[in-house]
PDB file of N, CA and C in Angstrom:
ATOM      1  N   MET A   1     -18.928   2.348  -3.220  1.00  0.00           N
ATOM      2  CA  MET A   1     -18.640   1.432  -4.457  1.00  0.00           C
ATOM      3  C   MET A   1     -19.313   1.227  -5.435  1.00  0.00           C
ATOM      4  N   MET A   2     -20.553   2.149  -5.688  1.00  0.00           N
ATOM      5  CA  MET A   2     -21.540   2.315  -6.757  1.00  0.00           C
ATOM      6  C   MET A   2     -20.683   3.526  -7.569  1.00  0.00           C
ATOM      7  N   GLU A   3     -20.351   4.545  -6.610  1.00  0.00           N
ATOM      8  CA  GLU A   3     -19.271   5.726  -7.606  1.00  0.00           C
ATOM      9  C   GLU A   3     -17.890   5.321  -8.240  1.00  0.00           C
ATOM     10  N   LEU A   4     -17.538   4.680  -7.347  1.00  0.00           N
ATOM     11  CA  LEU A   4     -15.595   3.959  -8.172  1.00  0.00           C
ATOM     12  C   LEU A   4     -16.453   2.807  -9.501  1.00  0.00           C
ATOM     13  N   ARG A   5     -17.699   2.284  -9.442  1.00  0.00           N
ATOM     14  CA  ARG A   5     -17.862   1.472 -10.597  1.00  0.00           C
ATOM     15  C   ARG A   5     -18.562   2.281 -11.907  1.00  0.00           C
ATOM     16  N   MET A   6     -19.328   3.929 -11.308  1.00  0.00           N
ATOM     17  CA  MET A   6     -19.287   4.406 -12.464  1.00  0.00           C
ATOM     18  C   MET A   6     -17.969   5.215 -12.892  1.00  0.00           C
ATOM     19  N   VAL A   7     -17.783   6.330 -12.573  1.00  0.00           N
ATOM     20  CA  VAL A   7     -15.890   7.048 -13.015  1.00  0.00           C
ATOM     21  C   VAL A   7     -15.689   5.587 -13.879  1.00  0.00           C
ATOM     22  N   THR A   8     -15.617   4.622 -13.226  1.00  0.00           N
ATOM     23  CA  THR A   8     -14.387   3.253 -14.208  1.00  0.00           C
ATOM     24  C   THR A   8     -15.161   3.325 -15.513  1.00  0.00           C
ATOM     25  N   ALA A   9     -16.754   3.267 -15.466  1.00  0.00           N
ATOM     26  CA  ALA A   9     -16.916   2.875 -17.083  1.00  0.00           C
ATOM     27  C   ALA A   9     -17.496   4.424 -17.980  1.00  0.00           C
ATOM     28  N   MET A  10     -17.195   5.611 -17.031  1.00  0.00           N
ATOM     29  CA  MET A  10     -17.246   6.762 -17.327  1.00  0.00           C
ATOM     30  C   MET A  10     -16.192   7.178 -18.841  1.00  0.00           C
ATOM     31  N   MET A  11     -14.835   6.652 -17.460  1.00  0.00           N
ATOM     32  CA  MET A  11     -13.641   6.387 -18.053  1.00  0.00           C
ATOM     33  C   MET A  11     -13.146   5.911 -19.349  1.00  0.00           C
ATOM     34  N   ILE A  12     -13.533   4.659 -18.998  1.00  0.00           N
ATOM     35  CA  ILE A  12     -13.709   3.127 -20.395  1.00  0.00           C
ATOM     36  C   ILE A  12     -14.123   4.145 -21.479  1.00  0.00           C
ATOM     37  N   LYS A  13     -15.618   4.381 -21.181  1.00  0.00           N
ATOM     38  CA  LYS A  13     -16.454   5.194 -22.307  1.00  0.00           C
ATOM     39  C   LYS A  13     -15.879   6.507 -23.205  1.00  0.00           C
ATOM     40  N   ARG A  14     -14.943   6.843 -22.558  1.00  0.00           N
ATOM     41  CA  ARG A  14     -14.252   8.427 -23.076  1.00  0.00           C
ATOM     42  C   ARG A  14     -12.856   8.111 -23.498  1.00  0.00           C
ATOM     43  N   PHE A  15     -12.040   6.756 -22.869  1.00  0.00           N
ATOM     44  CA  PHE A  15     -10.903   7.263 -23.053  1.00  0.00           C
ATOM     45  C   PHE A  15     -10.517   5.942 -23.917  1.00  0.00           C
ATOM     46  N   THR A  16      -9.174   6.030 -24.770  1.00  0.00           N
ATOM     47  CA  THR A  16      -8.815   4.004 -24.871  1.00  0.00           C
ATOM     48  C   THR A  16      -7.886   3.667 -24.054  1.00  0.00           C
ATOM     49  N   ILE A  17      -7.463   3.490 -23.206  1.00  0.00           N
ATOM     50  CA  ILE A  17      -6.768   2.903 -22.191  1.00  0.00           C
ATOM     51  C   ILE A  17      -5.652   1.872 -22.484  1.00  0.00           C
ATOM     52  N   SER A  18      -4.631   2.287 -22.843  1.00  0.00           N
ATOM     53  CA  SER A  18      -3.622   1.392 -23.043  1.00  0.00           C
ATOM     54  C   SER A  18      -2.159   1.360 -22.570  1.00  0.00           C
ATOM     55  N   PHE A  19      -1.349   0.884 -22.119  1.00  0.00           N
ATOM     56  CA  PHE A  19       0.045   0.686 -21.719  1.00  0.00           C
ATOM     57  C   PHE A  19       1.169   1.180 -22.819  1.00  0.00           C
ATOM     58  N   PRO A  20       2.318   2.249 -22.387  1.00  0.00           N
ATOM     59  CA  PRO A  20       2.973   2.609 -23.458  1.00  0.00           C
ATOM     60  C   PRO A  20       4.100   1.573 -24.039  1.00  0.00           C
ATOM     61  N   PRO A  21       4.207   1.444 -25.175  1.00  0.00           N
ATOM     62  CA  PRO A  21       5.022   0.210 -25.963  1.00  0.00           C
ATOM     63  C   PRO A  21       6.406   0.565 -25.032  1.00  0.00           C
ATOM     64  N   GLY A  22       6.962  -1.021 -24.716  1.00  0.00           N
ATOM     65  CA  GLY A  22       8.173  -1.317 -24.025  1.00  0.00           C
ATOM     66  C   GLY A  22       8.217  -1.093 -22.598  1.00  0.00           C
ATOM     67  N   GLN A  23       6.778  -0.861 -22.358  1.00  0.00           N
ATOM     68  CA  GLN A  23       7.235  -1.458 -20.331  1.00  0.00           C
ATOM     69  C   GLN A  23       5.996  -1.979 -20.024  1.00  0.00           C
ATOM     70  N   GLU A  24       6.176  -3.376 -20.541  1.00  0.00           N
ATOM     71  CA  GLU A  24       4.834  -4.488 -20.230  1.00  0.00           C
ATOM     72  C   GLU A  24       5.721  -5.126 -18.700  1.00  0.00           C
ATOM     73  N   GLN A  25       6.796  -4.955 -18.709  1.00  0.00           N
ATOM     74  CA  GLN A  25       7.287  -5.851 -17.717  1.00  0.00           C
ATOM     75  C   GLN A  25       7.106  -4.201 -16.435  1.00  0.00           C
ATOM     76  N   GLU A  26       6.961  -3.645 -16.376  1.00  0.00           N
ATOM     77  CA  GLU A  26       6.760  -2.503 -15.259  1.00  0.00           C
ATOM     78  C   GLU A  26       4.884  -2.888 -14.729  1.00  0.00           C
ATOM     79  N   CYS A  27       4.429  -3.029 -16.020  1.00  0.00           N
ATOM     80  CA  CYS A  27       3.040  -3.177 -16.436  1.00  0.00           C
ATOM     81  C   CYS A  27       2.465  -4.783 -15.862  1.00  0.00           C
ATOM     82  N   GLU A  28       3.387  -5.723 -15.654  1.00  0.00           N
ATOM     83  CA  GLU A  28       2.984  -6.744 -15.135  1.00  0.00           C
ATOM     84  C   GLU A  28       3.412  -7.029 -13.890  1.00  0.00           C
ATOM     85  N   LYS A  29       4.535  -6.011 -13.537  1.00  0.00           N
ATOM     86  CA  LYS A  29       5.085  -6.327 -12.073  1.00  0.00           C
ATOM     87  C   LYS A  29       3.493  -5.896 -11.385  1.00  0.00           C
ATOM     88  N   PHE A  30       2.796  -4.611 -11.762  1.00  0.00           N
ATOM     89  CA  PHE A  30       1.489  -4.339 -10.916  1.00  0.00           C
ATOM     90  C   PHE A  30       0.935  -5.331 -10.573  1.00  0.00           C
ATOM     91  N   THR A  31       0.265  -6.246 -11.925  1.00  0.00           N
ATOM     92  CA  THR A  31      -0.683  -7.438 -11.450  1.00  0.00           C
ATOM     93  C   THR A  31      -0.439  -8.064 -10.850  1.00  0.00           C
ATOM     94  N   GLY A  32       1.041  -8.701 -11.496  1.00  0.00           N
ATOM     95  CA  GLY A  32       1.466 -10.035 -10.769  1.00  0.00           C
ATOM     96  C   GLY A  32       1.810  -9.784  -9.325  1.00  0.00           C
ATOM     97  N   ASP A  33       2.358  -8.921  -8.621  1.00  0.00           N
ATOM     98  CA  ASP A  33       2.629  -9.166  -7.578  1.00  0.00           C
ATOM     99  C   ASP A  33       1.536  -8.170  -6.324  1.00  0.00           C
ATOM    100  N   GLN A  34       0.436  -8.616  -6.648  1.00  0.00           N
ATOM    101  CA  GLN A  34      -0.863  -8.310  -6.480  1.00  0.00           C
ATOM    102  C   GLN A  34      -1.299  -9.493  -5.470  1.00  0.00           C
ATOM    103  N   ALA A  35      -2.094  -9.852  -4.803  1.00  0.00           N
ATOM    104  CA  ALA A  35      -2.971 -10.274  -3.603  1.00  0.00           C
ATOM    105  C   ALA A  35      -4.101 -10.316  -4.200  1.00  0.00           C
ATOM    106  N   GLY A  36      -4.949 -11.627  -4.094  1.00  0.00           N
ATOM    107  CA  GLY A  36      -6.195 -11.945  -4.430  1.00  0.00           C
ATOM    108  C   GLY A  36      -7.198 -10.379  -3.431  1.00  0.00           C
ATOM    109  N   CYS A  37      -6.742  -9.071  -3.052  1.00  0.00           N
ATOM    110  CA  CYS A  37      -7.786  -8.946  -2.498  1.00  0.00           C
ATOM    111  C   CYS A  37      -7.856  -7.445  -3.191  1.00  0.00           C
ATOM    112  N   PHE A  38      -8.673  -6.344  -2.499  1.00  0.00           N
ATOM    113  CA  PHE A  38      -9.455  -5.362  -2.780  1.00  0.00           C
ATOM    114  C   PHE A  38      -8.468  -4.254  -2.025  1.00  0.00           C
ATOM    115  N   ALA A  39      -7.272  -4.604  -1.315  1.00  0.00           N
ATOM    116  CA  ALA A  39      -5.873  -3.582  -1.040  1.00  0.00           C
ATOM    117  C   ALA A  39      -5.100  -3.832  -1.534  1.00  0.00           C
ATOM    118  N   ILE A  40      -4.033  -2.837  -2.112  1.00  0.00           N
ATOM    119  CA  ILE A  40      -3.661  -3.092  -3.163  1.00  0.00           C
ATOM    120  C   ILE A  40      -1.732  -2.478  -2.716  1.00  0.00           C
ATOM    121  N   SER A  41      -0.703  -3.353  -2.504  1.00  0.00           N
ATOM    122  CA  SER A  41      -0.122  -2.277  -3.122  1.00  0.00           C
ATOM    123  C   SER A  41       1.196  -1.234  -3.961  1.00  0.00           C
ATOM    124  N   VAL A  42       0.673   0.041  -3.830  1.00  0.00           N
ATOM    125  CA  VAL A  42       0.635   0.898  -5.307  1.00  0.00           C
ATOM    126  C   VAL A  42       2.131   0.587  -5.868  1.00  0.00           C
ATOM    127  N   TYR A  43       2.145   0.522  -6.896  1.00  0.00           N
ATOM    128  CA  TYR A  43       3.282   0.807  -7.951  1.00  0.00           C
ATOM    129  C   TYR A  43       2.956   1.688  -8.740  1.00  0.00           C
ATOM    130  N   PRO A  44       3.850   1.999  -9.335  1.00  0.00           N
ATOM    131  CA  PRO A  44       3.496   3.202 -10.813  1.00  0.00           C
ATOM    132  C   PRO A  44       2.940   2.388 -11.752  1.00  0.00           C
ATOM    133  N   LEU A  45       2.775   2.812 -12.840  1.00  0.00           N
ATOM    134  CA  LEU A  45       2.037   1.975 -13.547  1.00  0.00           C
ATOM    135  C   LEU A  45       1.127   3.257 -14.820  1.00  0.00           C
ATOM    136  N   PRO A  46       2.318   2.755 -15.343  1.00  0.00           N
ATOM    137  CA  PRO A  46       1.734   3.647 -16.776  1.00  0.00           C
ATOM    138  C   PRO A  46       0.614   3.519 -17.535  1.00  0.00           C
ATOM    139  N   ILE A  47       0.515   3.932 -17.812  1.00  0.00           N
ATOM    140  CA  ILE A  47      -1.021   4.276 -18.357  1.00  0.00           C
ATOM    141  C   ILE A  47      -1.055   5.653 -19.552  1.00  0.00           C
ATOM    142  N   LEU A  48      -1.534   5.070 -21.296  1.00  0.00           N
ATOM    143  CA  LEU A  48      -2.076   6.086 -22.025  1.00  0.00           C
ATOM    144  C   LEU A  48      -3.324   5.907 -21.883  1.00  0.00           C
ATOM    145  N   PHE A  49      -3.947   6.961 -21.940  1.00  0.00           N
ATOM    146  CA  PHE A  49      -5.336   7.834 -22.163  1.00  0.00           C
ATOM    147  C   PHE A  49      -5.508   8.456 -23.418  1.00  0.00           C
ATOM    148  N   GLN A  50      -6.445   7.654 -24.309  1.00  0.00           N
ATOM    149  CA  GLN A  50      -6.607   8.230 -25.366  1.00  0.00           C
ATOM    150  C   GLN A  50      -8.107   8.872 -25.470  1.00  0.00           C
ATOM    151  N   GLU A  51      -7.947  10.231 -26.020  1.00  0.00           N
ATOM    152  CA  GLU A  51      -9.900  10.581 -25.885  1.00  0.00           C
ATOM    153  C   GLU A  51     -10.527  10.089 -27.190  1.00  0.00           C
ATOM    154  N   ARG A  52     -11.667   9.045 -26.939  1.00  0.00           N
ATOM    155  CA  ARG A  52     -12.284   8.639 -28.291  1.00  0.00           C
ATOM    156  C   ARG A  52     -12.417   9.878 -28.632  1.00  0.00           C
ATOM    157  N   LYS A  53     -13.072   8.896 -30.530  1.00  0.00           N
ATOM    158  CA  LYS A  53     -13.226   9.942 -31.168  1.00  0.00           C
ATOM    159  C   LYS A  53     -14.786   9.456 -31.540  1.00  0.00           C
ATOM    160  N   HIS A  54     -15.927  10.599 -31.333  1.00  0.00           N
ATOM    161  CA  HIS A  54     -17.221  10.085 -31.471  1.00  0.00           C
ATOM    162  C   HIS A  54     -17.742  10.774 -32.245  1.00  0.00           C
ATOM    163  N   SER A  55     -18.427   9.934 -32.843  1.00  0.00           N
ATOM    164  CA  SER A  55     -19.642  10.033 -34.578  1.00  0.00           C
ATOM    165  C   SER A  55     -20.460  10.429 -34.310  1.00  0.00           C
TER     166      SER A  55
END
């Protein structure tokens, strides 16, 4: 579980993560159909990763 937290933190620190324009309904289906548990059904989830610029 610690590895999952570490990888998630590293991804958030390195990338700007967003949903593609015009695909909000697909993203809502992914989050709306999930039960409140750790195991989830897997739906396609379109995500954009843009590398952050470090100054």
